[in-house]
Structures are given as C-alpha cells and as structure tokens.
Protein backbone atom coordinates (compact mmCIF):
# COMPACT_ATOMS: atom_id res chain seq x y z
CA MET A 1 28.56 2.79 58.82
CA THR A 2 30.50 5.46 56.93
CA GLN A 3 28.44 8.19 55.52
CA GLY A 4 27.65 7.64 51.88
CA LYS A 5 28.20 3.87 52.04
CA ILE A 6 25.90 1.03 52.48
CA THR A 7 26.38 -2.51 53.34
CA ALA A 8 26.12 -5.15 50.59
CA SER A 9 23.06 -6.59 52.20
CA ALA A 10 21.40 -3.19 52.07
CA ALA A 11 22.39 -2.74 48.50
CA MET A 12 20.91 -6.25 47.58
CA LEU A 13 17.70 -5.21 49.16
CA ASN A 14 17.62 -1.99 47.12
CA VAL A 15 18.14 -4.12 44.00
CA LEU A 16 15.28 -6.56 45.06
CA LYS A 17 12.97 -3.63 45.62
CA THR A 18 13.59 -2.23 42.09
CA TRP A 19 12.48 -5.67 40.93
CA GLY A 20 9.15 -5.47 42.88
CA VAL A 21 10.28 -7.92 45.63
CA ASP A 22 8.28 -7.44 48.91
CA THR A 23 8.82 -10.66 50.67
CA ILE A 24 11.82 -12.95 51.38
CA TYR A 25 11.37 -16.43 52.74
CA GLY A 26 14.02 -18.17 54.89
CA ILE A 27 15.47 -19.09 58.25
CA PRO A 28 17.49 -16.58 60.18
CA SER A 29 21.17 -17.84 60.84
CA GLY A 30 24.47 -16.33 61.81
CA THR A 31 25.44 -16.74 58.19
CA LEU A 32 22.64 -14.32 57.25
CA SER A 33 23.14 -11.91 60.14
CA SER A 34 24.04 -9.00 57.95
CA LEU A 35 21.00 -9.58 55.81
CA MET A 36 18.74 -9.90 58.85
CA ASP A 37 20.22 -6.51 60.17
CA ALA A 38 19.29 -4.94 56.84
CA LEU A 39 15.88 -6.29 56.81
CA ALA A 40 15.31 -5.07 60.28
CA GLU A 41 16.11 -1.36 59.05
CA ASP A 42 14.16 -1.82 55.66
CA LYS A 43 10.29 -1.34 56.00
CA ASP A 44 9.59 -2.23 52.41
CA ILE A 45 10.63 -5.95 52.37
CA ARG A 46 9.30 -8.31 54.92
CA PHE A 47 10.83 -11.45 56.17
CA LEU A 48 8.78 -14.62 56.45
CA GLN A 49 10.48 -17.24 58.64
CA VAL A 50 9.87 -20.78 57.52
CA ARG A 51 10.70 -24.10 59.18
CA HIS A 52 12.74 -25.52 56.51
CA GLU A 53 14.72 -23.97 53.60
CA GLU A 54 12.88 -26.27 51.15
CA THR A 55 9.59 -24.69 52.40
CA GLY A 56 11.02 -21.24 51.77
CA ALA A 57 11.98 -22.23 48.16
CA LEU A 58 8.39 -23.57 47.61
CA ALA A 59 6.83 -20.48 48.95
CA ALA A 60 8.97 -18.26 46.70
CA VAL A 61 7.91 -20.41 43.71
CA MET A 62 4.23 -20.06 44.61
CA GLN A 63 4.60 -16.39 45.00
CA ALA A 64 6.09 -16.16 41.48
CA LYS A 65 3.71 -18.42 39.99
CA PHE A 66 0.43 -17.27 41.57
CA GLY A 67 1.28 -13.84 42.94
CA GLY A 68 2.85 -12.42 39.68
CA SER A 69 5.90 -11.21 41.50
CA ILE A 70 9.48 -12.51 41.86
CA GLY A 71 9.82 -14.85 44.70
CA VAL A 72 12.92 -14.78 46.93
CA ALA A 73 14.12 -17.51 49.32
CA VAL A 74 17.44 -17.44 51.32
CA GLY A 75 19.19 -20.38 53.08
CA SER A 76 22.53 -20.96 54.72
CA GLY A 77 24.96 -23.76 54.91
CA GLY A 78 25.01 -26.21 57.62
CA PRO A 79 24.39 -29.74 58.65
CA GLY A 80 21.16 -31.44 57.70
C-alpha cells in the first residue's frame, strides 16, 4: 500500500467506527477478501461468521433493536 493511502475497505471500516459499529456479521468469501483483510488488521471491529446471510441480517437487526447500536451484515453474490 502506498504511504498515505488506504484501501476502500479500510476507509469503510473507519466510517463504521465513527458510527459506533463494533461488530459485522457475515460469511467470508472471495468477493469480500479485501474487507476480510481490512478486518484482520483492524482491532476495533470484530467479524462474527454466520452460517447463512439471512442469519447475519437478522443478527444485525437484533443488535440494532436490542443493543442500541447500528447492526451491520455483509453478504456476497453467488448461487443459492
């Protein structure tokens, strides 16, 4: 990475942190590899792997509804 520049995924995580996000739910995939790399370097946001994207979305909703903070879920395109 060029000095003074960050990846789009790292920039996204920085924005999410300013919004108080501390957890992202989802399933790792090749499509999300740059996000997973950024999450591996970031110590403030944790990634919780779920078994289905729908479960991740529901977990994010429950976090927002009962936890009082923004819930974030990620998914990728693919069959199924």
